[in-house]
Amino acid sequence: MTKNDIARVLSRILSSKKEAEAAVNKVFEEMSNSLKNGDKVVITGFGSFNMLETKTKQGRNPRTCEKLFIAPMKKIRFKQSKKFFE
């Protein structure tokens, strides 16, 4: 399912497709902003999203077998609700 699919379904409830697209875009924008600020996004009955920062880890170049360090990065973690599978 894509953002357009969500907007199409939402347009059945709202008055227009443009209004539905704007609502979907605003929801995802607010979710992104919350995650960037370090807040947790919880959707009851579906799951939760939170931002994790990985640690620096050691890797290697597969061609030269040279050891290198992989810089820390931010990742989004999703944990589904128990009700999601019921």
N, C-alpha and C. Protein backbone atom coordinates (compact mmCIF):
# COMPACT_ATOMS: atom_id res chain seq x y z
N MET A 1 0.85 -1.17 0.00
CA MET A 1 0.00 0.00 0.00
C MET A 1 0.89 1.24 0.00
N THR A 2 0.56 2.19 -0.82
CA THR A 2 1.34 3.42 -0.96
C THR A 2 0.57 4.60 -0.35
N LYS A 3 1.23 5.76 -0.31
CA LYS A 3 0.57 6.96 0.19
C LYS A 3 -0.64 7.30 -0.67
N ASN A 4 -0.53 7.08 -2.00
CA ASN A 4 -1.66 7.35 -2.88
C ASN A 4 -2.84 6.44 -2.57
N ASP A 5 -2.57 5.18 -2.25
CA ASP A 5 -3.63 4.25 -1.89
C ASP A 5 -4.33 4.71 -0.61
N ILE A 6 -3.55 5.15 0.35
CA ILE A 6 -4.13 5.64 1.60
C ILE A 6 -4.98 6.88 1.33
N ALA A 7 -4.48 7.79 0.51
CA ALA A 7 -5.23 9.00 0.17
C ALA A 7 -6.52 8.66 -0.57
N ARG A 8 -6.47 7.67 -1.45
CA ARG A 8 -7.66 7.26 -2.20
C ARG A 8 -8.73 6.73 -1.25
N VAL A 9 -8.33 5.91 -0.29
CA VAL A 9 -9.27 5.38 0.68
C VAL A 9 -9.83 6.51 1.55
N LEU A 10 -8.96 7.42 1.97
CA LEU A 10 -9.38 8.54 2.81
C LEU A 10 -10.28 9.51 2.06
N SER A 11 -10.12 9.61 0.74
CA SER A 11 -10.95 10.53 -0.05
C SER A 11 -12.42 10.11 -0.07
N ARG A 12 -12.69 8.85 0.25
CA ARG A 12 -14.08 8.40 0.34
C ARG A 12 -14.77 9.02 1.55
N ILE A 13 -13.99 9.35 2.57
CA ILE A 13 -14.53 9.95 3.80
C ILE A 13 -14.53 11.47 3.71
N LEU A 14 -13.44 12.02 3.19
CA LEU A 14 -13.31 13.47 3.08
C LEU A 14 -13.97 13.96 1.79
N SER A 15 -14.04 15.28 1.65
CA SER A 15 -14.78 15.85 0.52
C SER A 15 -14.05 15.78 -0.82
N SER A 16 -12.70 15.74 -0.80
CA SER A 16 -11.98 15.71 -2.07
C SER A 16 -10.68 14.92 -1.96
N LYS A 17 -10.14 14.54 -3.11
CA LYS A 17 -8.87 13.81 -3.13
C LYS A 17 -7.72 14.71 -2.69
N LYS A 18 -7.76 16.00 -3.08
CA LYS A 18 -6.70 16.94 -2.67
C LYS A 18 -6.65 17.08 -1.16
N GLU A 19 -7.81 17.15 -0.55
CA GLU A 19 -7.89 17.26 0.90
C GLU A 19 -7.34 15.99 1.57
N ALA A 20 -7.65 14.84 0.99
CA ALA A 20 -7.16 13.56 1.52
C ALA A 20 -5.65 13.47 1.39
N GLU A 21 -5.10 13.87 0.24
CA GLU A 21 -3.64 13.85 0.04
C GLU A 21 -2.95 14.78 1.02
N ALA A 22 -3.54 15.96 1.24
CA ALA A 22 -2.95 16.91 2.18
C ALA A 22 -2.95 16.34 3.60
N ALA A 23 -4.02 15.64 3.97
CA ALA A 23 -4.12 15.05 5.30
C ALA A 23 -3.08 13.94 5.48
N VAL A 24 -2.94 13.09 4.48
CA VAL A 24 -1.96 12.00 4.55
C VAL A 24 -0.54 12.56 4.63
N ASN A 25 -0.24 13.54 3.79
CA ASN A 25 1.09 14.16 3.80
C ASN A 25 1.38 14.81 5.15
N LYS A 26 0.38 15.45 5.75
CA LYS A 26 0.57 16.10 7.04
C LYS A 26 0.83 15.07 8.14
N VAL A 27 0.12 13.95 8.11
CA VAL A 27 0.33 12.89 9.10
C VAL A 27 1.75 12.36 9.02
N PHE A 28 2.22 12.04 7.81
CA PHE A 28 3.58 11.52 7.66
C PHE A 28 4.63 12.57 7.99
N GLU A 29 4.36 13.82 7.69
CA GLU A 29 5.29 14.90 8.02
C GLU A 29 5.44 15.02 9.54
N GLU A 30 4.31 14.98 10.25
CA GLU A 30 4.35 15.07 11.71
C GLU A 30 5.03 13.86 12.33
N MET A 31 4.79 12.67 11.77
CA MET A 31 5.48 11.48 12.27
C MET A 31 6.99 11.61 12.07
N SER A 32 7.41 12.08 10.91
CA SER A 32 8.83 12.27 10.63
C SER A 32 9.46 13.28 11.58
N ASN A 33 8.77 14.39 11.80
CA ASN A 33 9.29 15.42 12.70
C ASN A 33 9.43 14.88 14.12
N SER A 34 8.46 14.12 14.57
CA SER A 34 8.52 13.55 15.92
C SER A 34 9.70 12.59 16.05
N LEU A 35 9.91 11.75 15.05
CA LEU A 35 11.03 10.81 15.09
C LEU A 35 12.36 11.54 15.06
N LYS A 36 12.46 12.59 14.24
CA LYS A 36 13.70 13.37 14.18
C LYS A 36 14.01 14.03 15.50
N ASN A 37 12.96 14.41 16.25
CA ASN A 37 13.15 15.06 17.56
C ASN A 37 13.40 14.04 18.66
N GLY A 38 13.41 12.76 18.32
CA GLY A 38 13.69 11.73 19.31
C GLY A 38 12.46 11.21 20.03
N ASP A 39 11.28 11.65 19.60
CA ASP A 39 10.05 11.18 20.23
C ASP A 39 9.63 9.85 19.64
N LYS A 40 8.84 9.12 20.39
CA LYS A 40 8.31 7.84 19.95
C LYS A 40 6.92 8.08 19.34
N VAL A 41 6.62 7.42 18.23
CA VAL A 41 5.30 7.54 17.61
C VAL A 41 4.56 6.23 17.87
N VAL A 42 3.43 6.34 18.56
CA VAL A 42 2.66 5.15 18.92
C VAL A 42 1.29 5.24 18.25
N ILE A 43 0.94 4.20 17.50
CA ILE A 43 -0.38 4.09 16.89
C ILE A 43 -1.04 2.89 17.56
N THR A 44 -1.96 3.17 18.46
CA THR A 44 -2.60 2.14 19.26
C THR A 44 -3.28 1.10 18.36
N GLY A 45 -3.02 -0.16 18.65
CA GLY A 45 -3.61 -1.25 17.89
C GLY A 45 -2.82 -1.61 16.64
N PHE A 46 -1.80 -0.82 16.31
CA PHE A 46 -0.97 -1.09 15.13
C PHE A 46 0.48 -1.32 15.52
N GLY A 47 1.10 -0.34 16.17
CA GLY A 47 2.48 -0.49 16.59
C GLY A 47 3.11 0.84 16.94
N SER A 48 4.43 0.81 17.16
CA SER A 48 5.15 2.02 17.52
C SER A 48 6.43 2.14 16.70
N PHE A 49 6.82 3.38 16.47
CA PHE A 49 8.05 3.71 15.75
C PHE A 49 8.94 4.49 16.69
N ASN A 50 10.24 4.20 16.67
CA ASN A 50 11.19 5.03 17.39
C ASN A 50 12.51 5.05 16.65
N MET A 51 13.29 6.10 16.92
CA MET A 51 14.56 6.30 16.26
C MET A 51 15.67 5.70 17.11
N LEU A 52 16.50 4.88 16.50
CA LEU A 52 17.65 4.30 17.18
C LEU A 52 18.92 4.76 16.49
N GLU A 53 19.95 4.95 17.26
CA GLU A 53 21.25 5.29 16.69
C GLU A 53 22.18 4.10 16.90
N THR A 54 22.72 3.58 15.81
CA THR A 54 23.62 2.44 15.92
C THR A 54 24.97 2.91 16.44
N LYS A 55 25.73 1.99 16.97
CA LYS A 55 27.06 2.30 17.46
C LYS A 55 28.07 2.16 16.33
N THR A 56 29.24 2.73 16.52
CA THR A 56 30.33 2.52 15.58
C THR A 56 30.72 1.05 15.62
N LYS A 57 30.83 0.44 14.46
CA LYS A 57 31.22 -0.97 14.45
C LYS A 57 32.33 -1.21 13.44
N GLN A 58 33.02 -2.30 13.65
CA GLN A 58 34.14 -2.63 12.79
C GLN A 58 33.65 -3.53 11.66
N GLY A 59 34.09 -3.22 10.45
CA GLY A 59 33.78 -4.03 9.28
C GLY A 59 35.04 -4.28 8.50
N ARG A 60 34.86 -4.81 7.30
CA ARG A 60 36.04 -5.01 6.45
C ARG A 60 35.64 -4.87 5.00
N ASN A 61 36.60 -4.43 4.21
CA ASN A 61 36.41 -4.32 2.77
C ASN A 61 36.54 -5.74 2.19
N PRO A 62 35.50 -6.26 1.52
CA PRO A 62 35.56 -7.63 1.04
C PRO A 62 36.62 -7.85 -0.06
N ARG A 63 36.99 -6.81 -0.78
CA ARG A 63 38.01 -6.97 -1.84
C ARG A 63 39.41 -7.05 -1.28
N THR A 64 39.70 -6.16 -0.32
CA THR A 64 41.08 -6.07 0.18
C THR A 64 41.24 -6.67 1.57
N CYS A 65 40.15 -7.05 2.21
CA CYS A 65 40.14 -7.55 3.59
C CYS A 65 40.68 -6.53 4.58
N GLU A 66 40.74 -5.27 4.16
CA GLU A 66 41.20 -4.20 5.03
C GLU A 66 40.11 -3.89 6.06
N LYS A 67 40.50 -3.75 7.32
CA LYS A 67 39.56 -3.42 8.38
C LYS A 67 39.19 -1.94 8.29
N LEU A 68 37.92 -1.64 8.56
CA LEU A 68 37.46 -0.25 8.56
C LEU A 68 36.37 -0.10 9.60
N PHE A 69 36.07 1.13 9.93
CA PHE A 69 35.03 1.40 10.91
C PHE A 69 33.80 1.95 10.21
N ILE A 70 32.65 1.44 10.58
CA ILE A 70 31.38 1.88 10.02
C ILE A 70 30.81 2.92 10.99
N ALA A 71 30.55 4.10 10.47
CA ALA A 71 30.08 5.21 11.30
C ALA A 71 28.69 4.93 11.86
N PRO A 72 28.38 5.51 13.01
CA PRO A 72 27.03 5.34 13.56
C PRO A 72 26.00 6.00 12.65
N MET A 73 24.80 5.41 12.62
CA MET A 73 23.73 5.98 11.80
C MET A 73 22.41 5.84 12.53
N LYS A 74 21.45 6.62 12.10
CA LYS A 74 20.13 6.57 12.71
C LYS A 74 19.23 5.66 11.88
N LYS A 75 18.43 4.85 12.59
CA LYS A 75 17.50 3.93 11.94
C LYS A 75 16.16 4.03 12.64
N ILE A 76 15.11 3.77 11.89
CA ILE A 76 13.78 3.74 12.47
C ILE A 76 13.43 2.29 12.78
N ARG A 77 12.95 2.09 14.00
CA ARG A 77 12.56 0.75 14.43
C ARG A 77 11.05 0.73 14.58
N PHE A 78 10.41 -0.33 14.07
CA PHE A 78 8.98 -0.52 14.21
C PHE A 78 8.73 -1.76 15.06
N LYS A 79 7.87 -1.63 16.03
CA LYS A 79 7.48 -2.77 16.84
C LYS A 79 5.96 -2.88 16.77
N GLN A 80 5.50 -4.01 16.26
CA GLN A 80 4.06 -4.17 16.08
C GLN A 80 3.35 -4.40 17.40
N SER A 81 2.09 -4.02 17.43
CA SER A 81 1.26 -4.21 18.61
C SER A 81 0.84 -5.67 18.71
N LYS A 82 0.59 -6.11 19.93
CA LYS A 82 0.09 -7.49 20.09
C LYS A 82 -1.27 -7.65 19.44
N LYS A 83 -2.07 -6.59 19.43
CA LYS A 83 -3.39 -6.63 18.81
C LYS A 83 -3.31 -6.73 17.29
N PHE A 84 -2.17 -6.37 16.73
CA PHE A 84 -1.99 -6.38 15.27
C PHE A 84 -2.20 -7.77 14.67
N PHE A 85 -1.81 -8.81 15.41
CA PHE A 85 -1.91 -10.17 14.88
C PHE A 85 -3.16 -10.91 15.34
N GLU A 86 -3.93 -10.29 16.23
CA GLU A 86 -5.15 -10.96 16.71
C GLU A 86 -6.29 -10.81 15.74
